[in-house]
Amino acid sequence: MPVNDIDSVMTEWGKWSRGGLGALNVTSRNGFAPDISDELARKVDAAVVACGIVKPVLRHVLELYYQKGRGVVEIQLQLRVGRVTVEKYLVEGKGFVSGHLSAVKAAA
């Protein structure tokens, strides 16, 4: 899966993480196996953790949206912020993860 399609990578990471960290051939709740390697999923995990160190709310929003499958409105209500703020957090968080993955790839 190309890393440049960060939304797809994050969606598949969410399925992977719901199946259990490092689990192979695990199906998600909707019956589809995640289309992501364990190696890439672990890199995404590390990027999300790093994102949380810099700005904890971004990690929280990424986990709610991708791991727990919550919608923007649910997250908005839980965090007591506006819809635009949640969408901004998602964009910023995905940007952080994408940048982190690019930096890891460049260092390899």
Protein backbone atom coordinates (compact mmCIF):
# COMPACT_ATOMS: atom_id res chain seq x y z
CA MET A 1 0.00 0.00 0.00
CA PRO A 2 1.47 3.36 -0.95
CA VAL A 3 2.29 5.50 2.06
CA ASN A 4 1.34 8.65 0.12
CA ASP A 5 -2.37 7.75 0.49
CA ILE A 6 -2.38 8.51 4.20
CA ASP A 7 -6.15 8.22 4.69
CA SER A 8 -6.14 4.65 3.33
CA VAL A 9 -3.07 3.80 5.41
CA MET A 10 -4.75 5.16 8.54
CA THR A 11 -8.01 3.32 7.80
CA GLU A 12 -6.16 0.01 7.39
CA TRP A 13 -4.08 0.73 10.52
CA GLY A 14 -7.35 1.21 12.42
CA LYS A 15 -8.61 -2.20 11.26
CA TRP A 16 -5.24 -3.77 12.09
CA SER A 17 -5.12 -2.28 15.57
CA ARG A 18 -8.69 -3.37 16.35
CA GLY A 19 -7.61 -6.91 15.50
CA GLY A 20 -4.77 -6.87 18.00
CA LEU A 21 -1.27 -5.48 17.79
CA GLY A 22 0.84 -7.59 15.46
CA ALA A 23 -1.89 -10.12 14.83
CA LEU A 24 -1.70 -11.77 11.43
CA ASN A 25 -4.74 -12.59 9.31
CA VAL A 26 -7.14 -11.05 11.78
CA THR A 27 -10.48 -9.83 10.53
CA SER A 28 -11.97 -6.55 11.59
CA ARG A 29 -15.48 -6.12 12.97
CA ASN A 30 -16.94 -5.81 9.49
CA GLY A 31 -15.26 -9.01 8.27
CA PHE A 32 -12.55 -7.50 6.07
CA ALA A 33 -8.92 -8.34 6.74
CA PRO A 34 -6.74 -5.23 7.07
CA ASP A 35 -4.75 -4.47 3.92
CA ILE A 36 -1.58 -3.36 5.70
CA SER A 37 1.63 -5.12 6.63
CA ASP A 38 2.55 -5.55 10.27
CA GLU A 39 5.72 -3.56 9.56
CA LEU A 40 3.85 -0.54 8.20
CA ALA A 41 1.17 -0.78 10.89
CA ARG A 42 3.84 -0.72 13.61
CA LYS A 43 5.39 2.35 11.98
CA VAL A 44 1.98 4.05 11.98
CA ASP A 45 1.58 3.08 15.66
CA ALA A 46 4.93 4.71 16.44
CA ALA A 47 3.96 7.82 14.47
CA VAL A 48 0.64 8.15 16.32
CA VAL A 49 2.44 7.81 19.66
CA ALA A 50 4.98 10.45 18.61
CA CYS A 51 2.12 12.69 17.53
CA GLY A 52 0.58 12.29 20.98
CA ILE A 53 3.79 13.38 22.64
CA VAL A 54 3.79 16.61 20.64
CA LYS A 55 0.03 17.26 20.81
CA PRO A 56 -2.01 14.71 22.84
CA VAL A 57 -5.39 15.78 21.44
CA LEU A 58 -4.30 14.75 17.94
CA ARG A 59 -3.47 11.23 19.06
CA HIS A 60 -6.78 11.02 20.88
CA VAL A 61 -8.75 12.13 17.83
CA LEU A 62 -6.84 9.77 15.49
CA GLU A 63 -7.51 6.84 17.83
CA LEU A 64 -11.20 7.69 18.21
CA TYR A 65 -11.69 8.09 14.48
CA TYR A 66 -9.56 5.26 13.07
CA GLN A 67 -9.32 2.71 15.88
CA LYS A 68 -12.71 3.07 17.49
CA GLY A 69 -14.59 4.02 14.32
CA ARG A 70 -16.21 7.11 15.82
CA GLY A 71 -17.59 9.73 13.48
CA VAL A 72 -16.74 13.41 13.49
CA VAL A 73 -19.98 14.33 15.28
CA GLU A 74 -19.39 11.74 18.03
CA ILE A 75 -15.86 13.04 18.56
CA GLN A 76 -17.13 16.62 18.54
CA LEU A 77 -19.62 15.83 21.28
CA GLN A 78 -17.10 13.87 23.34
CA LEU A 79 -14.45 16.58 23.18
CA ARG A 80 -16.94 19.44 23.34
CA VAL A 81 -15.44 21.22 20.36
CA GLY A 82 -16.80 22.21 16.97
CA ARG A 83 -16.97 19.97 13.91
CA VAL A 84 -14.42 22.14 12.11
CA THR A 85 -12.02 21.72 15.02
CA VAL A 86 -12.31 17.91 14.86
CA GLU A 87 -11.73 17.99 11.10
CA LYS A 88 -8.71 20.24 11.65
CA TYR A 89 -7.32 17.81 14.22
CA LEU A 90 -7.77 14.91 11.79
CA VAL A 91 -5.95 16.76 9.01
CA GLU A 92 -3.16 17.85 11.35
CA GLY A 93 -2.80 14.38 12.84
CA LYS A 94 -2.70 12.68 9.43
CA GLY A 95 -0.14 15.23 8.30
CA PHE A 96 2.03 14.46 11.31
CA VAL A 97 1.80 10.70 10.71
CA SER A 98 2.53 11.13 7.00
CA GLY A 99 5.56 13.30 7.75
CA HIS A 100 6.80 10.84 10.36
CA LEU A 101 6.48 7.92 7.93
CA SER A 102 8.31 9.88 5.24
CA ALA A 103 11.13 10.72 7.65
CA VAL A 104 11.44 7.07 8.72
CA LYS A 105 11.53 5.98 5.09
CA ALA A 106 14.18 8.58 4.22
CA ALA A 107 16.34 7.50 7.17
CA ALA A 108 16.23 3.84 6.13
